[in-house]
Amino acid sequence: MTLQRLYFIRFGFALGWAALITTVGSEDIDALTVALLVIYPAFDVAAAIVDARTARSTTRAGLVTNIAVSTLAAAGLAVASARPAFPRSCGSGESGESGPSSPVSSSSPSPCSATSWAGSGR
C-alpha cells in the first residue's frame, strides 16, 4: 500500500467517523457511542503501524509516539466505559434519567448537553 493511499483511507475514515459520531452522539452515552469512541484511536493505531513499516527512520519516532498515545486512549476509553459511573459523569443515572442517583439535579441541564456547553462560553 502506498502512503498516499493510506492517508486517503485515514482521511475518509475520519470524515465518516465524524459524521457518524455527530449523528449518533447524544446526551446519553450508549454502547454505539462508546464503540465509536474506542474504534477511532484503535484505527489510528493500525494505520500508524502500517505507516511506520514504510516510513523512513527519521519519522518513525513520531509514529511510535502516535501508536503509544492512541493505544492508551483506546484502552482508557474502553476501561472507563466499562465502569458503571461512566454514563453518570455526563448527567444520566442508571436508568438514563437525571435524578437522585445522578450528580446532576433534575433542574439543571446535563454537563454534557450541547446547550450547556454552547451557553457557557467553553
C-alpha atoms as a PDB file:
ATOM      1  CA  MET A   1       0.000   0.000   0.000  1.00  0.00           C
ATOM      2  CA  THR A   2       1.321   3.422  -0.856  1.00  0.00           C
ATOM      3  CA  LEU A   3       1.453   6.138   1.779  1.00  0.00           C
ATOM      4  CA  GLN A   4      -0.785   8.355  -0.345  1.00  0.00           C
ATOM      5  CA  ARG A   5      -3.472   5.672  -0.398  1.00  0.00           C
ATOM      6  CA  LEU A   6      -3.093   5.132   3.359  1.00  0.00           C
ATOM      7  CA  TYR A   7      -3.531   8.859   4.004  1.00  0.00           C
ATOM      8  CA  PHE A   8      -6.668   8.957   1.839  1.00  0.00           C
ATOM      9  CA  ILE A   9      -8.070   5.967   3.731  1.00  0.00           C
ATOM     10  CA  ARG A  10      -7.317   7.650   7.068  1.00  0.00           C
ATOM     11  CA  PHE A  11      -8.926  10.883   5.845  1.00  0.00           C
ATOM     12  CA  GLY A  12     -12.035   9.061   4.605  1.00  0.00           C
ATOM     13  CA  PHE A  13     -12.311   7.120   7.856  1.00  0.00           C
ATOM     14  CA  ALA A  14     -12.002  10.335   9.885  1.00  0.00           C
ATOM     15  CA  LEU A  15     -14.731  12.046   7.850  1.00  0.00           C
ATOM     16  CA  GLY A  16     -17.044   9.051   8.098  1.00  0.00           C
ATOM     17  CA  TRP A  17     -16.355   8.664  11.805  1.00  0.00           C
ATOM     18  CA  ALA A  18     -17.026  12.357  12.471  1.00  0.00           C
ATOM     19  CA  ALA A  19     -20.304  12.223  10.537  1.00  0.00           C
ATOM     20  CA  LEU A  20     -21.377   9.085  12.386  1.00  0.00           C
ATOM     21  CA  ILE A  21     -20.437  10.298  15.870  1.00  0.00           C
ATOM     22  CA  THR A  22     -22.245  13.584  15.200  1.00  0.00           C
ATOM     23  CA  THR A  23     -25.347  11.721  14.065  1.00  0.00           C
ATOM     24  CA  VAL A  24     -25.306   9.068  16.793  1.00  0.00           C
ATOM     25  CA  GLY A  25     -23.961  11.158  19.678  1.00  0.00           C
ATOM     26  CA  SER A  26     -26.441  12.440  22.223  1.00  0.00           C
ATOM     27  CA  GLU A  27     -26.612  13.346  25.879  1.00  0.00           C
ATOM     28  CA  ASP A  28     -26.713   9.665  26.794  1.00  0.00           C
ATOM     29  CA  ILE A  29     -23.600   7.608  26.195  1.00  0.00           C
ATOM     30  CA  ASP A  30     -24.822   4.324  24.767  1.00  0.00           C
ATOM     31  CA  ALA A  31     -22.926   1.271  23.558  1.00  0.00           C
ATOM     32  CA  LEU A  32     -22.668   2.557  19.976  1.00  0.00           C
ATOM     33  CA  THR A  33     -21.181   5.869  21.109  1.00  0.00           C
ATOM     34  CA  VAL A  34     -18.653   4.056  23.305  1.00  0.00           C
ATOM     35  CA  ALA A  35     -17.759   1.739  20.431  1.00  0.00           C
ATOM     36  CA  LEU A  36     -17.195   4.716  18.144  1.00  0.00           C
ATOM     37  CA  LEU A  37     -15.039   6.430  20.769  1.00  0.00           C
ATOM     38  CA  VAL A  38     -12.853   3.324  21.090  1.00  0.00           C
ATOM     39  CA  ILE A  39     -12.757   2.470  17.364  1.00  0.00           C
ATOM     40  CA  TYR A  40     -11.215   5.771  16.265  1.00  0.00           C
ATOM     41  CA  PRO A  41      -7.946   5.541  18.245  1.00  0.00           C
ATOM     42  CA  ALA A  42      -7.768   1.789  17.514  1.00  0.00           C
ATOM     43  CA  PHE A  43      -7.996   2.510  13.769  1.00  0.00           C
ATOM     44  CA  ASP A  44      -5.352   5.201  14.222  1.00  0.00           C
ATOM     45  CA  VAL A  45      -3.031   2.635  15.816  1.00  0.00           C
ATOM     46  CA  ALA A  46      -3.492   0.228  12.913  1.00  0.00           C
ATOM     47  CA  ALA A  47      -2.895   2.959  10.328  1.00  0.00           C
ATOM     48  CA  ALA A  48       0.186   4.241  12.176  1.00  0.00           C
ATOM     49  CA  ILE A  49       1.639   0.719  12.284  1.00  0.00           C
ATOM     50  CA  VAL A  50       1.228   0.412   8.508  1.00  0.00           C
ATOM     51  CA  ASP A  51       2.734   3.895   8.122  1.00  0.00           C
ATOM     52  CA  ALA A  52       5.684   3.018  10.403  1.00  0.00           C
ATOM     53  CA  ARG A  53       6.511  -0.064   8.340  1.00  0.00           C
ATOM     54  CA  THR A  54       7.054   2.096   5.271  1.00  0.00           C
ATOM     55  CA  ALA A  55       8.396   5.266   6.916  1.00  0.00           C
ATOM     56  CA  ARG A  56      11.967   6.439   6.913  1.00  0.00           C
ATOM     57  CA  SER A  57      13.765   6.082  10.221  1.00  0.00           C
ATOM     58  CA  THR A  58      13.650   9.874  10.821  1.00  0.00           C
ATOM     59  CA  THR A  59       9.833   9.908  11.003  1.00  0.00           C
ATOM     60  CA  ARG A  60       9.417   6.646  12.860  1.00  0.00           C
ATOM     61  CA  ALA A  61       9.762   8.150  16.367  1.00  0.00           C
ATOM     62  CA  GLY A  62       6.686  10.319  15.842  1.00  0.00           C
ATOM     63  CA  LEU A  63       4.701   7.344  14.615  1.00  0.00           C
ATOM     64  CA  VAL A  64       5.753   5.247  17.609  1.00  0.00           C
ATOM     65  CA  THR A  65       4.594   8.067  19.888  1.00  0.00           C
ATOM     66  CA  ASN A  66       1.300   8.232  17.979  1.00  0.00           C
ATOM     67  CA  ILE A  67       0.847   4.475  18.366  1.00  0.00           C
ATOM     68  CA  ALA A  68       1.519   4.646  22.118  1.00  0.00           C
ATOM     69  CA  VAL A  69      -0.830   7.595  22.729  1.00  0.00           C
ATOM     70  CA  SER A  70      -3.629   6.135  20.584  1.00  0.00           C
ATOM     71  CA  THR A  71      -3.285   2.752  22.293  1.00  0.00           C
ATOM     72  CA  LEU A  72      -3.553   4.393  25.717  1.00  0.00           C
ATOM     73  CA  ALA A  73      -6.566   6.429  24.548  1.00  0.00           C
ATOM     74  CA  ALA A  74      -8.398   3.376  23.203  1.00  0.00           C
ATOM     75  CA  ALA A  75      -7.628   1.327  26.312  1.00  0.00           C
ATOM     76  CA  GLY A  76      -8.542   4.173  28.655  1.00  0.00           C
ATOM     77  CA  LEU A  77     -11.868   4.798  26.927  1.00  0.00           C
ATOM     78  CA  ALA A  78     -12.665   1.075  26.908  1.00  0.00           C
ATOM     79  CA  VAL A  79     -11.898   0.711  30.622  1.00  0.00           C
ATOM     80  CA  ALA A  80     -13.708   3.915  31.577  1.00  0.00           C
ATOM     81  CA  SER A  81     -16.799   2.942  29.608  1.00  0.00           C
ATOM     82  CA  ALA A  82     -16.965  -0.405  31.388  1.00  0.00           C
ATOM     83  CA  ARG A  83     -17.317   1.317  34.754  1.00  0.00           C
ATOM     84  CA  PRO A  84     -20.900   1.930  35.925  1.00  0.00           C
ATOM     85  CA  ALA A  85     -20.192   5.588  36.712  1.00  0.00           C
ATOM     86  CA  PHE A  86     -19.205   6.420  33.114  1.00  0.00           C
ATOM     87  CA  PRO A  87     -22.711   7.372  31.862  1.00  0.00           C
ATOM     88  CA  ARG A  88     -23.481   9.234  35.075  1.00  0.00           C
ATOM     89  CA  SER A  89     -20.480  11.505  34.594  1.00  0.00           C
ATOM     90  CA  CYS A  90     -22.490  13.151  31.847  1.00  0.00           C
ATOM     91  CA  GLY A  91     -25.600  13.617  33.949  1.00  0.00           C
ATOM     92  CA  SER A  92     -27.627  10.465  33.387  1.00  0.00           C
ATOM     93  CA  GLY A  93     -28.318   7.930  36.105  1.00  0.00           C
ATOM     94  CA  GLU A  94     -28.541   4.148  35.802  1.00  0.00           C
ATOM     95  CA  SER A  95     -31.875   4.410  34.004  1.00  0.00           C
ATOM     96  CA  GLY A  96     -30.688   7.162  31.680  1.00  0.00           C
ATOM     97  CA  GLU A  97     -32.633   9.802  33.596  1.00  0.00           C
ATOM     98  CA  SER A  98     -31.286  12.585  35.777  1.00  0.00           C
ATOM     99  CA  GLY A  99     -32.332  12.050  39.326  1.00  0.00           C
ATOM    100  CA  PRO A 100     -31.200  11.325  42.875  1.00  0.00           C
ATOM    101  CA  SER A 101     -28.575   8.791  41.758  1.00  0.00           C
ATOM    102  CA  SER A 102     -27.115  11.330  39.361  1.00  0.00           C
ATOM    103  CA  PRO A 103     -24.607  14.019  40.387  1.00  0.00           C
ATOM    104  CA  VAL A 104     -26.685  16.463  38.337  1.00  0.00           C
ATOM    105  CA  SER A 105     -30.030  17.531  39.737  1.00  0.00           C
ATOM    106  CA  SER A 106     -33.066  17.222  37.506  1.00  0.00           C
ATOM    107  CA  SER A 107     -33.479  21.012  37.414  1.00  0.00           C
ATOM    108  CA  SER A 108     -30.067  21.628  35.840  1.00  0.00           C
ATOM    109  CA  PRO A 109     -29.003  20.655  32.335  1.00  0.00           C
ATOM    110  CA  SER A 110     -26.611  17.789  31.765  1.00  0.00           C
ATOM    111  CA  PRO A 111     -22.969  18.944  31.816  1.00  0.00           C
ATOM    112  CA  CYS A 112     -22.513  17.094  28.503  1.00  0.00           C
ATOM    113  CA  SER A 113     -25.511  18.557  26.703  1.00  0.00           C
ATOM    114  CA  ALA A 114     -24.952  20.775  23.718  1.00  0.00           C
ATOM    115  CA  THR A 115     -26.927  23.605  25.310  1.00  0.00           C
ATOM    116  CA  SER A 116     -24.867  23.653  28.490  1.00  0.00           C
ATOM    117  CA  TRP A 117     -21.599  23.825  26.514  1.00  0.00           C
ATOM    118  CA  ALA A 118     -22.884  26.348  23.983  1.00  0.00           C
ATOM    119  CA  GLY A 119     -24.224  28.704  26.640  1.00  0.00           C
ATOM    120  CA  SER A 120     -21.243  28.551  28.955  1.00  0.00           C
ATOM    121  CA  GLY A 121     -18.658  30.112  26.649  1.00  0.00           C
ATOM    122  CA  ARG A 122     -16.444  26.977  26.761  1.00  0.00           C
END
